[in-house]
Structure formats: structure tokens, C-alpha cells
Protein backbone atom coordinates (compact mmCIF):
# COMPACT_ATOMS: atom_id res chain seq x y z
CA MET A 1 62.00 55.45 122.89
CA SER A 2 62.93 52.10 121.84
CA VAL A 3 66.42 51.58 119.69
CA GLU A 4 66.41 53.86 116.76
CA ILE A 5 69.17 52.06 114.05
CA ILE A 6 70.62 54.84 111.06
CA ASN A 7 71.85 52.82 107.98
CA PHE A 8 74.09 53.98 105.21
CA GLY A 9 75.51 52.39 102.33
CA CYS A 10 75.18 48.55 101.42
CA ARG A 11 72.63 46.12 101.48
CA LEU A 12 74.33 44.00 104.05
CA ASN A 13 74.50 46.95 106.37
CA LEU A 14 71.13 47.65 105.64
CA ALA A 15 70.44 43.55 106.45
CA GLU A 16 73.09 43.60 110.18
CA GLY A 17 70.89 46.73 111.14
CA GLU A 18 67.82 44.74 111.39
CA ALA A 19 69.97 41.97 113.07
CA ILE A 20 71.14 44.24 115.76
CA ARG A 21 67.42 45.83 116.30
CA ALA A 22 65.75 42.69 117.04
CA ARG A 23 68.94 41.71 119.22
CA MET A 24 68.47 45.19 121.07
CA ALA A 25 64.76 45.48 120.83
CA ASP A 26 64.62 45.85 125.15
CA GLN A 27 67.12 48.83 124.87
CA ASN A 28 65.79 52.44 125.70
CA ASP A 29 67.46 55.74 124.20
CA LEU A 30 70.06 54.03 121.84
CA ILE A 31 70.90 55.34 118.30
CA ILE A 32 72.74 52.94 116.09
CA VAL A 33 74.40 54.87 113.42
CA ASN A 34 75.38 52.20 110.93
CA SER A 35 77.73 53.58 108.62
CA CYS A 36 79.53 53.22 105.45
CA ALA A 37 83.28 53.63 104.45
CA VAL A 38 82.83 53.24 100.51
CA THR A 39 83.34 57.12 99.81
CA SER A 40 84.50 59.99 102.05
CA GLU A 41 81.07 61.04 101.23
CA ALA A 42 78.96 58.40 102.79
CA GLU A 43 81.38 58.79 106.07
CA ARG A 44 80.39 63.13 105.33
CA GLN A 45 76.80 61.76 105.39
CA ALA A 46 77.13 59.78 108.57
CA ARG A 47 78.38 62.61 110.55
CA GLN A 48 75.90 64.78 109.68
CA ALA A 49 73.72 62.13 110.77
CA ILE A 50 74.86 61.65 113.90
CA ARG A 51 75.04 65.61 114.62
CA ARG A 52 71.28 65.61 113.61
CA ALA A 53 70.51 62.87 116.03
CA ALA A 54 71.61 64.23 118.91
CA LYS A 55 69.91 67.55 118.44
CA ARG A 56 66.57 65.69 117.77
CA ARG A 57 67.08 63.32 120.67
CA PRO A 58 69.48 64.77 123.28
CA ASP A 59 68.71 62.08 125.98
CA ALA A 60 70.17 59.20 123.66
CA ARG A 61 73.48 57.76 123.65
CA ILE A 62 74.64 57.39 120.10
CA VAL A 63 76.69 54.34 119.12
CA VAL A 64 78.69 54.15 115.79
CA THR A 65 78.75 50.95 114.00
CA GLY A 66 79.84 49.55 110.73
CA CYS A 67 82.75 50.17 107.93
CA ALA A 68 83.71 53.57 108.50
CA ALA A 69 83.98 53.05 112.76
CA GLU A 70 86.40 50.62 111.68
CA THR A 71 88.71 52.87 109.11
CA SER A 72 88.11 56.49 110.64
CA GLY A 73 87.32 55.46 114.43
CA GLY A 74 89.35 58.06 115.57
CA ALA A 75 87.54 61.07 113.78
CA PHE A 76 84.30 59.25 115.07
CA ALA A 77 85.12 58.65 118.89
CA ALA A 78 86.40 62.72 118.89
CA MET A 79 83.00 63.85 118.13
CA SER A 80 81.30 65.10 121.26
CA GLU A 81 77.97 63.29 120.15
CA VAL A 82 79.19 60.06 119.85
CA SER A 83 79.25 57.21 123.05
CA ALA A 84 80.43 54.78 122.28
CA LEU A 85 82.38 53.20 119.11
CA LEU A 86 81.43 49.12 118.04
CA GLY A 87 83.35 47.50 114.87
CA ASN A 88 81.55 45.36 112.74
CA ARG A 89 82.92 41.93 114.25
CA GLU A 90 81.65 43.31 117.88
CA LYS A 91 78.50 44.52 116.10
CA ARG A 92 77.46 41.06 115.02
CA GLY A 93 79.96 38.25 116.77
CA ALA A 94 80.40 35.22 114.99
CA ILE A 95 78.13 34.92 111.77
CA ALA A 96 77.11 31.47 112.39
CA ALA A 97 73.29 32.83 111.22
CA PRO A 98 72.70 35.38 108.50
CA ALA A 99 71.28 38.98 109.15
CA VAL A 100 68.24 39.20 107.01
CA SER A 101 66.21 42.63 106.50
CA GLY A 102 62.61 43.33 105.20
CA ALA A 103 61.45 40.32 107.00
CA ASP A 104 58.02 43.12 107.27
CA HIS A 105 58.48 44.17 103.42
CA ALA A 106 57.88 42.02 100.12
CA ARG A 107 61.11 41.07 99.89
CA ALA A 108 64.18 40.32 102.38
CA PHE A 109 67.58 40.12 102.15
CA ILE A 110 69.66 37.63 103.11
CA GLU A 111 73.34 37.78 104.31
CA VAL A 112 75.42 34.95 102.61
CA GLN A 113 78.77 35.86 103.20
CA ASN A 114 80.82 38.88 104.76
CA GLY A 115 84.24 40.53 104.64
CA CYS A 116 86.63 40.22 101.15
CA ASP A 117 90.24 38.56 100.66
CA HIS A 118 90.87 41.03 97.85
CA SER A 119 92.99 44.00 97.98
CA CYS A 120 91.39 46.61 94.95
CA THR A 121 93.85 49.69 95.42
CA PHE A 122 90.69 52.20 95.56
CA CYS A 123 88.85 50.27 98.29
CA ILE A 124 88.83 50.58 102.33
CA ILE A 125 85.99 47.95 102.91
CA PRO A 126 88.62 44.93 103.49
CA HIS A 127 90.49 46.73 106.48
CA GLY A 128 86.62 47.41 108.00
CA ARG A 129 84.87 44.02 107.08
CA GLY A 130 88.14 41.64 107.23
CA GLU A 131 88.45 38.74 105.90
CA SER A 132 86.08 36.45 103.94
CA ARG A 133 84.09 34.58 105.88
CA SER A 134 80.50 32.46 104.26
CA ILE A 135 77.63 31.06 105.97
CA PRO A 136 77.03 27.39 106.20
CA ALA A 137 74.49 26.57 103.68
CA GLY A 138 72.07 24.99 106.06
CA ALA A 139 71.39 28.68 108.08
CA ILE A 140 71.06 30.22 105.15
CA ILE A 141 68.22 27.64 103.83
CA GLU A 142 66.58 28.52 107.35
CA ALA A 143 66.10 31.71 106.58
CA VAL A 144 65.21 31.71 103.10
CA GLN A 145 62.34 29.14 104.44
CA ALA A 146 61.21 31.46 107.42
CA ALA A 147 61.00 34.33 104.61
CA VAL A 148 58.48 32.25 102.40
CA ASP A 149 56.64 31.14 105.53
CA ARG A 150 56.48 34.34 105.87
CA GLY A 151 54.45 34.96 102.62
CA GLN A 152 57.51 36.41 101.44
CA GLN A 153 58.12 35.53 97.36
CA GLU A 154 61.64 37.09 96.50
CA VAL A 155 64.71 36.83 98.51
CA ILE A 156 68.08 38.83 97.88
CA LEU A 157 71.41 37.12 98.42
CA THR A 158 73.88 39.45 99.43
CA GLY A 159 77.33 39.84 100.60
CA VAL A 160 80.34 42.06 100.90
CA ASP A 161 82.03 40.33 97.89
CA LEU A 162 79.07 37.49 97.62
CA THR A 163 80.99 35.32 94.64
CA SER A 164 83.57 34.79 97.25
CA TYR A 165 81.43 32.31 99.13
CA GLY A 166 82.52 28.91 100.05
CA PRO A 167 86.21 28.04 100.29
CA ASP A 168 86.06 28.64 104.03
CA LEU A 169 83.47 26.45 104.92
CA PRO A 170 83.95 22.08 104.79
CA GLY A 171 84.19 20.45 101.15
CA SER A 172 84.50 24.35 99.65
CA PRO A 173 81.24 24.88 98.24
CA THR A 174 80.28 27.77 95.55
CA LEU A 175 78.01 30.32 95.27
CA GLY A 176 76.60 28.12 92.30
CA SER A 177 75.98 25.21 94.75
CA LEU A 178 74.57 27.38 96.95
CA VAL A 179 71.81 28.66 94.92
CA ASN A 180 71.23 25.24 93.60
CA ARG A 181 70.67 23.61 97.46
CA ILE A 182 68.41 26.49 98.11
CA LEU A 183 66.14 26.16 95.28
CA LYS A 184 65.96 22.31 95.88
CA HIS A 185 65.28 22.40 99.81
CA VAL A 186 62.43 25.73 99.19
CA PRO A 187 60.98 24.95 96.39
CA THR A 188 57.98 27.25 97.46
CA LEU A 189 60.52 30.00 97.11
CA HIS A 190 59.34 31.92 93.50
CA ARG A 191 61.87 34.18 93.27
CA LEU A 192 65.49 34.21 93.99
CA ARG A 193 67.45 37.03 93.13
CA LEU A 194 71.43 37.98 93.93
CA SER A 195 73.09 41.28 94.56
CA SER A 196 76.33 42.62 93.12
CA LEU A 197 78.58 40.05 91.06
CA ASP A 198 82.31 39.97 90.79
CA SER A 199 82.34 38.64 87.11
CA ILE A 200 85.53 36.51 87.03
CA GLU A 201 84.68 34.66 90.74
CA ILE A 202 81.03 33.18 88.80
CA ASP A 203 81.62 29.57 88.40
CA PRO A 204 80.06 27.18 86.41
CA ARG A 205 77.74 26.06 88.36
CA LEU A 206 76.20 29.88 88.73
CA GLU A 207 76.74 30.77 85.22
CA GLU A 208 74.12 27.58 84.48
CA VAL A 209 71.74 28.28 87.16
CA ILE A 210 71.45 32.29 86.43
CA ALA A 211 70.76 30.95 82.40
CA ASN A 212 68.81 28.23 82.68
CA GLU A 213 66.96 28.45 86.42
CA PRO A 214 63.05 30.43 85.90
CA ARG A 215 62.93 30.81 89.39
CA VAL A 216 66.72 33.03 89.80
CA MET A 217 65.44 36.35 88.05
CA PRO A 218 67.05 37.33 85.17
CA HIS A 219 69.10 39.93 86.41
CA VAL A 220 72.60 40.22 87.06
CA HIS A 221 74.79 43.28 88.66
CA LEU A 222 78.26 43.06 88.10
CA SER A 223 81.11 44.90 90.09
CA LEU A 224 83.28 45.83 86.42
CA GLN A 225 84.60 49.58 87.52
CA SER A 226 86.07 50.25 84.75
CA GLY A 227 86.34 49.35 80.64
CA ASP A 228 89.98 50.11 80.29
CA ASP A 229 92.45 47.23 80.89
CA LEU A 230 95.15 49.07 82.06
CA ILE A 231 92.45 51.01 84.64
CA LEU A 232 91.43 47.16 85.95
CA LYS A 233 95.20 46.26 86.41
CA ARG A 234 95.98 49.54 88.22
CA MET A 235 92.82 48.82 90.48
CA LYS A 236 94.05 45.65 90.84
CA ARG A 237 90.92 43.75 89.72
CA ARG A 238 91.39 40.12 88.34
CA HIS A 239 89.18 40.35 85.18
CA SER A 240 89.74 41.89 81.72
CA ARG A 241 87.61 44.14 79.86
CA ALA A 242 87.23 41.13 76.79
CA GLN A 243 86.19 38.36 79.68
CA ALA A 244 83.62 40.78 81.16
CA VAL A 245 81.98 41.14 77.32
CA ALA A 246 82.37 37.39 77.01
CA LEU A 247 80.39 36.41 79.95
CA VAL A 248 77.53 39.04 79.38
CA GLU A 249 77.51 37.47 75.79
CA ARG A 250 77.43 33.96 77.42
CA LEU A 251 74.41 35.12 79.34
CA LYS A 252 72.69 37.02 77.06
CA ALA A 253 72.86 34.00 74.47
CA ARG A 254 71.30 31.59 76.71
CA ARG A 255 68.81 34.13 78.11
CA PRO A 256 68.53 36.89 76.31
CA GLU A 257 65.92 38.49 78.76
CA ILE A 258 68.18 38.99 81.12
CA ALA A 259 69.00 42.53 82.48
CA ILE A 260 72.74 44.13 83.37
CA GLY A 261 73.79 46.59 85.68
CA ALA A 262 77.28 47.30 86.66
CA ASP A 263 79.11 49.78 89.04
CA ILE A 264 81.79 51.68 86.63
CA ILE A 265 83.92 54.14 88.85
CA ALA A 266 84.73 57.44 86.71
CA GLY A 267 88.31 59.15 87.08
CA PHE A 268 90.37 56.89 88.48
CA PRO A 269 93.62 58.23 89.04
CA THR A 270 95.58 58.16 85.58
CA GLU A 271 92.65 57.52 83.78
CA ASP A 272 92.75 59.52 79.98
CA GLU A 273 90.51 60.21 77.83
CA ALA A 274 91.16 56.98 75.60
CA MET A 275 90.89 55.04 78.82
CA PHE A 276 87.36 56.84 79.65
CA GLU A 277 85.84 56.63 76.57
CA ASN A 278 86.51 52.47 77.03
CA SER A 279 84.37 52.61 80.29
CA LEU A 280 81.86 54.77 78.33
CA ARG A 281 81.97 51.87 75.13
CA LEU A 282 81.41 49.16 77.87
CA LEU A 283 77.68 50.57 78.22
CA ASP A 284 77.14 49.67 74.97
CA ASP A 285 79.56 46.03 74.92
CA CYS A 286 77.77 44.80 77.79
CA ASP A 287 74.27 45.73 77.29
CA ILE A 288 74.42 47.57 80.64
CA VAL A 289 70.70 48.92 81.54
CA PHE A 290 71.29 49.70 85.47
CA GLY A 291 74.69 51.96 85.11
CA HIS A 292 76.17 52.55 89.34
CA VAL A 293 78.35 55.09 88.77
CA PHE A 294 80.85 56.24 90.98
CA PRO A 295 83.13 59.13 90.80
CA PHE A 296 86.48 58.26 92.27
CA SER A 297 86.90 59.00 95.54
CA ALA A 298 90.55 58.64 96.99
CA ARG A 299 90.21 56.59 100.41
CA ASP A 300 93.12 57.04 103.02
CA GLY A 301 95.14 54.23 103.21
CA THR A 302 94.60 52.58 99.77
CA PRO A 303 96.84 52.35 97.11
CA ALA A 304 94.95 54.30 94.78
CA ALA A 305 95.13 57.59 97.05
CA ARG A 306 98.80 57.64 96.20
CA MET A 307 98.43 58.02 92.42
CA PRO A 308 98.47 60.83 90.39
CA GLN A 309 94.79 62.32 91.21
CA LEU A 310 92.54 63.74 88.29
CA ASP A 311 91.40 66.91 88.73
CA ARG A 312 87.75 66.94 90.71
CA ALA A 313 85.82 68.57 88.18
CA LEU A 314 86.96 66.46 85.51
CA VAL A 315 86.02 63.44 87.71
CA ARG A 316 82.65 65.14 88.39
CA GLU A 317 82.36 65.83 84.37
CA ARG A 318 83.26 61.99 83.46
CA ALA A 319 80.69 60.56 86.15
CA GLU A 320 78.10 62.25 84.51
CA ARG A 321 78.92 61.60 80.89
CA LEU A 322 78.54 57.82 82.02
CA ARG A 323 75.63 58.82 84.30
CA GLY A 324 73.86 60.36 80.78
CA ALA A 325 74.62 57.72 78.59
CA ALA A 326 73.46 54.79 81.75
CA LYS A 327 70.23 57.12 81.20
CA VAL A 328 69.79 56.81 78.03
CA ARG A 329 70.17 53.23 77.77
CA LYS A 330 68.16 52.27 80.43
CA ALA A 331 65.26 54.60 78.75
CA GLN A 332 65.51 53.10 75.06
CA TRP A 333 65.63 49.22 76.80
CA LEU A 334 62.58 50.39 78.77
CA SER A 335 60.79 51.53 75.83
CA THR A 336 61.32 47.75 74.27
CA LEU A 337 59.26 46.31 77.13
CA ILE A 338 56.32 48.44 76.46
CA GLY A 339 53.34 45.80 75.43
CA THR A 340 54.99 42.83 77.28
CA ARG A 341 53.90 41.13 80.10
CA GLN A 342 55.76 40.96 83.56
CA LYS A 343 55.01 39.49 86.77
CA VAL A 344 55.37 42.58 89.30
CA LEU A 345 55.90 41.75 92.86
CA ILE A 346 54.06 44.54 94.47
CA GLU A 347 56.39 46.38 97.15
CA LEU A 348 55.09 49.77 98.18
CA ASP A 349 51.38 51.70 98.00
CA GLY A 350 50.07 48.86 96.63
CA ARG A 351 51.11 50.47 92.90
CA THR A 352 54.66 50.05 92.79
CA GLY A 353 56.96 47.04 92.44
CA HIS A 354 59.82 45.01 90.23
CA ALA A 355 59.40 43.05 87.58
CA PRO A 356 61.73 39.64 87.04
CA ASN A 357 64.34 41.74 85.27
CA PHE A 358 64.32 44.58 88.44
CA ALA A 359 62.47 46.93 86.24
CA SER A 360 60.38 49.32 88.50
CA VAL A 361 56.91 49.41 87.10
CA THR A 362 54.04 51.40 88.76
CA LEU A 363 50.18 50.38 88.22
CA GLU A 364 48.54 52.72 86.77
CA GLN A 365 45.78 53.08 89.45
CA ALA A 366 46.22 50.99 92.75
CA LEU A 367 44.75 47.72 93.57
CA PRO A 368 41.41 47.63 95.19
CA GLY A 369 41.31 45.82 98.39
CA GLY A 370 43.81 47.80 101.09
CA ASN A 371 47.49 46.65 101.15
CA MET A 372 48.27 44.12 98.59
CA ARG A 373 52.20 44.60 99.32
CA GLY A 374 53.63 41.17 98.53
CA THR A 375 51.22 40.44 95.75
CA MET A 376 52.58 39.24 92.25
CA ILE A 377 50.36 40.82 89.92
CA GLU A 378 50.82 39.93 86.07
CA THR A 379 51.05 42.86 84.23
CA LEU A 380 50.82 44.38 81.06
CA ILE A 381 53.16 47.01 80.58
CA THR A 382 51.69 50.52 79.05
CA GLY A 383 54.27 52.77 79.05
CA SER A 384 57.48 54.47 80.43
CA ASP A 385 58.80 57.49 81.51
CA GLY A 386 62.11 56.55 80.60
CA GLN A 387 63.12 55.63 84.09
CA THR A 388 60.35 53.36 85.54
CA LEU A 389 57.36 51.44 83.24
CA THR A 390 53.82 51.83 83.91
CA GLY A 391 51.21 48.81 83.08
CA ILE A 392 47.64 47.33 84.77
CA PRO A 393 46.89 43.79 85.33
CA ALA A 394 46.58 42.06 82.35
């Protein structure tokens, strides 16, 4: 059997997994487990996948790479099923060219940056990824053009700390200048989407292009983490609650259709009920319709792991309250889209795809003509189940 890749974690890991698959296509009886270290649960799932893979393919070599191979290498090396570890730097080497995933899908994820120079107290990822490194714009533009030449109509730029793109390159470009260069040099690209952004690092050129460029999708996912200023300080985040709210207000004033997503951590050490309520209110204050909620998970080696911890049952309860409120907000937002027309990029089974604002849309009937993946369909939205829209070709 050819090389098998088992990916965990972020879109960047997925892109890197595809790059590994392409580079090692001639290998036999090899399983690469591309691990994630963002939570202890992610590591547990990787260990579980290793054991299942060993039972399924007992003669295969299992190599563990990714962030957990860096941060918890000893634990993985001790597993009898694991043949070798491969650190993040070794799995990619120099990143003169971006990793790309989804080459055979409707959308392409393209790496533009790796690593992180920040030291958020809850995060182990800088230990796994190293310092921030940016890929030169020329190589990124070539990858975007290649995606368009394959017939892909949407490209998503991704990275560990996407908005830190550029200062390590000649001339210190910014993510905003990179986006402008992509749009200029690949005029046939229909849709450009950005993965998670650090709100305090959004440079003026990026804010301008998000607000005004129709080919940049009206969907912004922000790494906010908390709605309480004291918790943000204890997290060592670099923005305040007011700054996050002001950014969203500026963007929505200039482009009202922008849909806001956000990462929020529930139950960070020392968080009291009033602090939690500030995070709960942030859903409304930042008009968050895609809430990505994490219960706090202490990672060994991080400052937050040494802070006074909350009871795990309380952490889970607060996460569920946040998720419930986020679910209600999303359902309310989707209901406002009924009766509108949305250009849906069909991704799966000839029926399912995403609108520009990232709302998931399912056509009431599959399109005729076989596999319609990659087709852009003008769609009249006819209904919603609270999580997904339904529609018919307009």
C-alpha cells in the first residue's frame, strides 16, 4: 500500500500532510500520523489513531510528526507501535514553497506562514512550530495561479499566525500587501478567503481590502479567546476587548454582509462568573455567528498550567453555555438569509457548498449532469435548519 497520512488539527497541518503525501508517493507500508498539540484531547486522539492503525496495518511503519511530536515526543516515542518521530522542521525543511491541500477539491488551502513569535500563556504551539517564518510572495502567487489553472475557484490562505506574515522577508511586507499582490497578479481568481486572524495584527491595507474587495470573501475569523480584559492580560493577548469590538464595528460599517467567526476559550484559570459573562456578551458585541468554543485545557510547559485551575465540571459547563449561545446566534443569522441569493461553490456530492459569507448551503436536489464539484451556482436560499441553509438554483 502507498503512504497513508492521518492528519489532526489545523488547516496548515492538512496542507502539510498533502505536501508529505506528494513527496513520499513512492513509499510503501508507511503511515504518517501528523499530530496536533493544541489540546490534550488532540494528543489523546493521535495516540488512539496510532493504535488503530497498527492493528489495521501491522506490517506498516508508523512515523509521528506534527506539533505533538515536538512537545510530547517522549510519550510518542515510548509507544511500541511508533517506528520514528519527525519534527515539524524535518517534515518540511526550508519553506521556500507553500504547502497546498485540496488540490483535488473545490477549494485550495495554501500556506503562507508558519510558526509564531508570541507567547500566549495557554499555548504550546510555539514550542512545536518555532519562530514565525513567511513564504515569499512569488512562491505563493505561483501556488494560487496553479490552483486557478486546476479549475479551483476559491483559495484559502492559512498559517499558524497568519497576520504576522512578512517582517522576516525583504522589505517587510504585510498580509495586506500580500493579498493585494495575489489579487493583482491572479486576476482570474474568483474567491480569496483568509483563515484565522489576530485582530490586533490586522494592518490598514488588510482592513481596507477586507472591507472593499469583492473577491475577498465577507467572512472574518478572529482569534479573540476571551471577552474580559483581565483574562486577556493573563492570557498575554495583545488586544483589549474594546479594540476587538471596534474592529468589528469598522468592518461591519463598511461591509455589512461580513460574517464574523471567533475562537473563545471557556474556563481559563482565575475566570470568575463576571469574567465569563464578558465573554458571553462578546458574542453579541462582536456579532459572532461562527463561534468556535474551546474548554480550557492546561498544557504542560505553559504558564497557564501553573495558574489556579477551575473545576473541570465548571469549565465544561461554561463551554456548553457559550456553545449554546453561539448556536442560537448562528441560527438567528441564518434565518435572515432566507430569501436572499448567494453564489454557492459546490464542494460535495453535487449539492453542498459554501456561500461567500461561509454559510453552509445544501441544494434541495442534486444538480443534473454528474459531479458538479467546483461549480459556482447562483442560489435562492429557501430555508434553514439552524446550522445549514437550503436553496434552489436561481
